[in-house]
């Protein structure tokens, strides 16, 4: 029941926005929107966001850090290999 009310509110908000866009006619009128209206819209959109739980955030962070570490080590190993091949091919030594 509560979900139906929120859906109706969202539909009416979308309809109001569409009507306002039709009335404005062109994009020049939309540029005259005040900063307060902009931030009110931002706040409204952010209220729709489903934020991750603390546990999800921690697990996602660990995955990102681990992935970065794996790729860093992989690129480092490839760099060492390419450097060794070039040293052998060109007969140079690095001191």
Foldseek 3Di string as FASTA:
>chain_A
DVVVVVVVVVVVVVVVVVVVVVVCPDCVSVVPDDPVVVVVVVVVVVVPDDDDDPVVVVVVVVVVVVVVVVVVVVVVVVVVVVVVVCCVVVVDDDD
